[in-house]
Protein backbone atom coordinates (compact mmCIF):
# COMPACT_ATOMS: atom_id res chain seq x y z
CA MET A 1 -32.66 6.29 48.75
CA LYS A 2 -30.49 3.19 48.73
CA SER A 3 -32.01 2.31 45.36
CA PHE A 4 -31.13 5.77 44.02
CA ALA A 5 -27.56 5.52 45.31
CA PHE A 6 -27.22 2.06 43.77
CA CYS A 7 -28.39 3.39 40.39
CA LEU A 8 -25.91 6.26 40.55
CA GLY A 9 -23.12 3.84 41.40
CA LEU A 10 -24.11 1.55 38.53
CA ILE A 11 -24.20 4.44 36.07
CA GLY A 12 -20.76 5.57 37.25
CA LEU A 13 -19.36 2.07 36.83
CA VAL A 14 -20.78 1.73 33.32
CA SER A 15 -19.44 5.18 32.36
CA PHE A 16 -15.98 4.32 33.69
CA ALA A 17 -16.01 1.03 31.76
CA ALA A 18 -17.03 2.86 28.58
CA VAL A 19 -14.21 5.39 28.96
CA GLN A 20 -11.74 2.62 29.63
CA SER A 21 -13.00 0.81 26.53
CA VAL A 22 -12.46 3.90 24.35
CA ASP A 23 -9.04 4.56 25.86
CA GLN A 24 -7.93 0.99 25.28
CA SER A 25 -9.41 0.67 21.78
CA ASN A 26 -6.56 2.62 20.20
CA LYS A 27 -4.00 -0.04 20.87
CA VAL A 28 -4.87 -3.66 21.63
CA GLU A 29 -2.28 -4.91 24.09
CA SER A 30 -1.63 -8.58 24.75
CA THR A 31 -0.24 -10.47 27.69
CA LEU A 32 1.00 -13.21 25.35
CA PRO A 33 4.82 -13.19 25.36
CA GLY A 34 6.16 -12.11 21.98
CA ALA A 35 2.84 -10.72 20.72
CA ARG A 36 3.13 -7.49 18.75
CA VAL A 37 0.85 -4.48 18.95
CA VAL A 38 -2.45 -4.15 17.02
CA ILE A 39 -3.44 -0.52 16.43
CA ASP A 40 -6.97 0.66 15.61
CA ALA A 41 -6.55 3.84 13.59
CA ALA A 42 -10.12 4.91 14.44
CA GLY A 43 -8.86 5.88 17.89
CA PHE A 44 -6.28 8.38 16.60
CA PRO A 45 -6.63 11.96 15.33
CA SER A 46 -5.15 11.00 11.94
CA LEU A 47 -4.00 7.96 9.99
CA GLN A 48 -0.40 9.17 10.25
CA ALA A 49 -0.71 9.37 14.04
CA ALA A 50 -1.74 5.70 14.03
CA LEU A 51 1.26 4.80 11.85
CA ASP A 52 3.57 6.79 14.12
CA ALA A 53 2.35 4.70 17.06
CA LEU A 54 3.98 1.59 15.58
CA PRO A 55 6.95 0.41 17.63
CA GLU A 56 10.31 -0.19 15.98
CA GLU A 57 9.66 -3.93 15.78
CA GLY A 58 6.51 -3.40 13.68
CA GLY A 59 2.91 -4.45 14.14
CA VAL A 60 -0.57 -4.17 12.63
CA VAL A 61 -2.57 -1.02 11.86
CA ASN A 62 -6.27 -1.46 11.08
CA PHE A 63 -7.83 1.31 8.98
CA PRO A 64 -11.59 1.73 9.61
CA PRO A 65 -14.26 2.22 6.92
CA GLY A 66 -14.64 5.80 5.75
CA THR A 67 -13.20 8.37 3.34
CA PHE A 68 -10.01 9.96 4.64
CA GLU A 69 -8.54 12.96 2.83
CA ILE A 70 -4.78 13.45 3.09
CA ASN A 71 -2.63 16.31 1.78
CA GLU A 72 0.78 14.80 2.52
CA PRO A 73 2.11 11.24 2.24
CA LEU A 74 1.29 8.56 4.78
CA VAL A 75 4.76 7.37 5.78
CA VAL A 76 5.84 3.95 7.04
CA ARG A 77 9.44 3.70 8.27
CA CYS A 78 9.77 0.33 10.03
CA SER A 79 9.78 -3.36 9.08
CA ASP A 80 7.26 -6.14 9.72
CA VAL A 81 4.17 -4.00 9.28
CA LEU A 82 0.67 -4.88 8.07
CA LEU A 83 -1.66 -2.03 7.09
CA GLN A 84 -5.13 -3.31 6.35
CA GLY A 85 -8.46 -1.69 5.62
CA SER A 86 -12.09 -2.71 5.27
CA GLY A 87 -12.05 -3.29 1.52
CA THR A 88 -13.10 -0.40 -0.69
CA ALA A 89 -15.12 0.96 2.24
CA THR A 90 -11.75 2.31 3.39
CA HIS A 91 -10.99 5.10 0.90
CA ILE A 92 -7.79 7.13 1.25
CA LYS A 93 -8.06 10.20 -0.95
CA ASN A 94 -4.90 12.13 -1.78
CA ILE A 95 -5.89 15.77 -2.32
CA ASN A 96 -2.28 16.97 -2.53
CA GLU A 97 -1.56 18.95 -5.72
CA ASN A 98 2.23 19.22 -5.35
CA GLY A 99 3.13 15.85 -6.84
CA GLN A 100 3.47 13.97 -3.55
CA PRO A 101 2.50 10.29 -3.24
CA ALA A 102 -0.33 8.97 -1.10
CA PHE A 103 1.95 6.40 0.60
CA LEU A 104 5.71 6.55 1.11
CA LEU A 105 7.39 3.40 2.40
CA GLU A 106 11.05 4.16 3.12
CA HIS A 107 13.71 3.87 5.79
CA PRO A 108 14.26 7.14 7.72
CA LYS A 109 17.77 7.37 6.23
CA GLY A 110 16.42 7.21 2.69
CA ASP A 111 18.92 6.25 0.00
CA LYS A 112 21.75 6.43 2.54
CA VAL A 113 20.44 3.46 4.52
CA PRO A 114 23.11 0.72 4.89
CA ARG A 115 22.29 -2.48 3.05
CA ASP A 116 21.88 -4.47 6.27
CA ASP A 117 19.41 -1.92 7.66
CA ARG A 118 16.96 -1.86 4.76
CA LEU A 119 13.31 -2.43 5.60
CA TRP A 120 11.64 -5.82 5.18
CA ARG A 121 8.14 -7.28 5.02
CA ILE A 122 5.69 -4.41 4.71
CA GLN A 123 2.21 -5.47 3.60
CA LEU A 124 -0.66 -3.25 2.43
CA ALA A 125 -4.05 -4.90 2.03
CA ASN A 126 -7.72 -4.29 1.41
CA PHE A 127 -8.30 -0.58 0.88
CA ARG A 128 -8.73 1.98 -1.89
CA ILE A 129 -6.34 4.84 -2.74
CA THR A 130 -7.23 7.65 -5.13
CA GLY A 131 -5.43 10.79 -6.19
CA ASN A 132 -5.84 13.57 -8.74
CA GLU A 133 -4.02 14.69 -11.86
CA LYS A 134 -1.70 16.94 -9.81
CA SER A 135 -0.89 14.41 -7.09
CA GLY A 136 2.07 12.05 -7.27
CA HIS A 137 2.19 8.26 -7.19
CA GLY A 138 -0.31 6.15 -5.32
CA ILE A 139 2.26 3.98 -3.51
CA LEU A 140 5.98 4.77 -3.58
CA ALA A 141 8.12 2.08 -1.95
CA LYS A 142 11.90 2.48 -1.81
CA GLN A 143 14.24 -0.39 -0.96
CA ILE A 144 11.60 -2.49 0.83
CA ASN A 145 12.43 -6.19 0.68
CA GLU A 146 9.57 -8.72 0.51
CA ILE A 147 6.94 -6.03 0.08
CA TYR A 148 3.45 -7.46 -0.44
CA LEU A 149 0.45 -5.59 -1.89
CA GLU A 150 -2.88 -7.42 -1.98
CA GLY A 151 -6.45 -6.33 -2.62
CA ILE A 152 -5.49 -2.68 -3.14
CA THR A 153 -7.35 -0.35 -5.52
CA VAL A 154 -5.06 2.40 -6.87
CA SER A 155 -6.70 4.95 -9.17
CA TYR A 156 -6.63 8.49 -10.61
CA HIS A 157 -3.09 9.49 -9.64
CA GLY A 158 -1.07 12.13 -11.44
CA GLY A 159 2.03 9.92 -11.37
CA ASP A 160 2.25 6.12 -11.39
CA GLY A 161 -0.15 3.89 -9.53
CA ILE A 162 2.50 1.80 -7.76
CA VAL A 163 6.27 2.37 -7.83
CA LEU A 164 8.59 -0.27 -6.41
CA ASP A 165 12.03 1.33 -6.47
CA ARG A 166 14.83 -1.17 -5.79
CA CYS A 167 12.51 -3.38 -3.74
CA TYR A 168 15.02 -6.08 -4.52
CA GLU A 169 13.98 -9.21 -2.68
CA ASP A 170 10.72 -10.93 -3.64
CA PRO A 171 8.18 -8.14 -4.19
CA ARG A 172 4.60 -9.37 -4.70
CA ILE A 173 1.49 -7.69 -6.13
CA ALA A 174 -1.67 -9.81 -6.10
CA ASN A 175 -5.38 -9.25 -6.72
CA CYS A 176 -5.11 -5.48 -7.09
CA LEU A 177 -7.10 -3.04 -9.25
CA ILE A 178 -4.89 -0.42 -10.92
CA THR A 179 -6.82 2.08 -13.03
CA TYR A 180 -6.85 5.57 -14.57
CA ASN A 181 -3.38 6.61 -13.42
CA LYS A 182 -1.76 9.32 -15.54
CA ASN A 183 1.55 7.50 -16.02
CA THR A 184 2.31 3.80 -15.48
CA GLY A 185 0.06 1.47 -13.50
CA VAL A 186 2.91 -0.52 -11.92
CA ASN A 187 6.51 0.70 -12.29
CA LEU A 188 9.14 -1.84 -11.21
CA LEU A 189 12.66 -0.38 -11.01
CA GLY A 190 15.61 -2.58 -10.11
CA CYS A 191 13.54 -5.34 -8.50
CA HIS A 192 14.27 -9.08 -8.32
CA ASP A 193 12.13 -12.26 -8.23
CA ILE A 194 8.94 -10.29 -8.83
CA VAL A 195 5.40 -11.70 -8.81
CA VAL A 196 2.49 -9.76 -10.34
CA THR A 197 -0.62 -11.92 -10.50
CA GLY A 198 -4.40 -11.86 -10.60
CA SER A 199 -4.58 -8.08 -11.00
CA GLN A 200 -6.56 -5.81 -13.30
CA PHE A 201 -5.14 -2.81 -15.15
CA GLU A 202 -7.29 -0.36 -17.06
CA GLU A 203 -6.77 2.99 -18.76
CA ASN A 204 -3.43 3.90 -17.28
CA ASN A 205 -0.92 5.33 -19.75
CA ASP A 206 1.17 2.12 -19.77
CA ALA A 207 0.09 -0.85 -17.66
CA LEU A 208 3.42 -2.15 -16.33
CA HIS A 209 7.11 -1.33 -16.65
CA CYS A 210 9.89 -3.64 -15.47
CA PHE A 211 13.31 -2.01 -15.92
CA ASP A 212 16.80 -3.01 -14.78
CA GLY A 213 15.64 -6.00 -12.75
CA PHE A 214 15.48 -9.77 -12.76
CA ASN A 215 12.96 -12.60 -12.90
CA LEU A 216 9.54 -11.04 -13.39
CA CYS A 217 6.70 -13.57 -13.21
CA MET A 218 3.56 -11.86 -14.56
CA THR A 219 0.61 -14.22 -14.93
CA GLY A 220 -3.17 -14.20 -14.85
CA ASN A 221 -3.66 -10.45 -15.20
CA CYS A 222 -6.20 -8.49 -17.24
CA LEU A 223 -4.99 -5.38 -19.14
CA ASP A 224 -7.48 -3.26 -21.07
CA ASP A 225 -7.84 0.12 -22.78
CA HIS A 226 -4.40 1.57 -22.11
CA LEU A 227 -3.54 4.94 -23.59
CA GLY A 228 0.04 3.88 -24.32
CA HIS A 229 1.54 0.39 -24.13
CA GLY A 230 0.67 -2.72 -22.19
CA VAL A 231 3.83 -4.30 -20.74
CA VAL A 232 7.29 -2.77 -21.28
CA ILE A 233 10.34 -4.79 -20.20
CA GLU A 234 13.88 -3.42 -20.52
CA ASN A 235 17.26 -4.68 -19.35
CA THR A 236 15.57 -7.52 -17.50
CA TYR A 237 16.80 -11.10 -17.29
CA GLY A 238 14.90 -14.38 -16.92
CA SER A 239 11.29 -13.20 -16.93
CA VAL A 240 7.97 -14.90 -17.73
CA VAL A 241 4.88 -13.09 -19.04
CA SER A 242 2.12 -15.62 -19.69
CA GLY A 243 -1.62 -16.18 -19.39
CA ASN A 244 -2.48 -12.48 -19.42
CA MET A 245 -5.31 -10.80 -21.31
CA ILE A 246 -4.01 -7.69 -23.10
CA GLU A 247 -6.56 -5.76 -25.17
CA GLU A 248 -7.04 -2.37 -26.80
CA CYS A 249 -3.70 -0.70 -26.09
CA LYS A 250 -3.14 2.34 -28.29
CA GLY A 251 0.54 1.40 -28.41
CA HIS A 252 2.06 -2.09 -28.32
CA ALA A 253 0.75 -4.92 -26.16
CA LEU A 254 4.27 -6.06 -25.18
CA ILE A 255 7.64 -4.39 -25.67
CA MET A 256 10.95 -6.10 -24.87
CA ASP A 257 13.93 -3.82 -25.36
CA ARG A 258 17.38 -2.81 -24.17
CA ASP A 259 19.19 -6.07 -23.39
CA CYS A 260 16.25 -8.24 -22.41
C-alpha cells in the first residue's frame, strides 16, 4: 500500500513538473539583471501572439520548424528585436490574396512617428517566407534604422520580395535568397549607407532597385534569369556595385539614371 501511494505521489510530481515545463516554455525568464525576454513561439496559439508578447524594450522570438500559414501580416512594432527561425524548416506561407505583406515592421504611429521615436535594430534571420501572385510584399519595413536581414528566403510574392522604405540608417541584407517575386527582389527607397552582400537573386522581375538614397554597397551577389532588369539605381549618391555576377536579364544588367 505504501508502495502504491509512493508511486501515485511520484506520478503526480512528474505530471506537475511536466505542466510547469510547458507553462514556462513560452517565455524563458532570467534572473540575470538586465537580461531581456526570450520567447518560444511554439508555446503560443499563433506567431502574431508570440510577437505581441514582446515587451516594449524588445527581445528574442524563436520560430519553431514547421509550415505556418498566415492571412494577414505579422507585425513588429518595437525596437531591439530578433526574430529567428530554424532555417528553411521554418516556412511562413502568406495565403493572403488582398495584396498584404507577410511581414510589416513599422512603428504604431506609422508615417506620423516623430523622428526621435523611430524604431531601431530589428533583425530577421534564418527562415523562409513565401507568398502568391495576389499577396503583397514579402517583408515591408518602414523607417526602421539599422535593420538587418540574414539567411532569409523570400519567394513567390505578388509584390516585391523585400521593401526597405526610408530605413535610413545602415540597413543590411546578407546571405539571403530572393527568388520568383512578381515585382522587384529588393526595393530600397530613401535608404542610406546600405549593404547588400552575399545574396542570390533569381527570376524576379528586376533584381534590385535603389532610389532616392545614398551610399549603396552591393558586392558578392549572384543575379540570374531576371524577367526585367538586374540593378536599377536612380537619384543615388556615392554607391559601389562591384564583384557581382549578373546573367541572363531580359532587360539591362545595370541601369544608372536620374541624377546618379
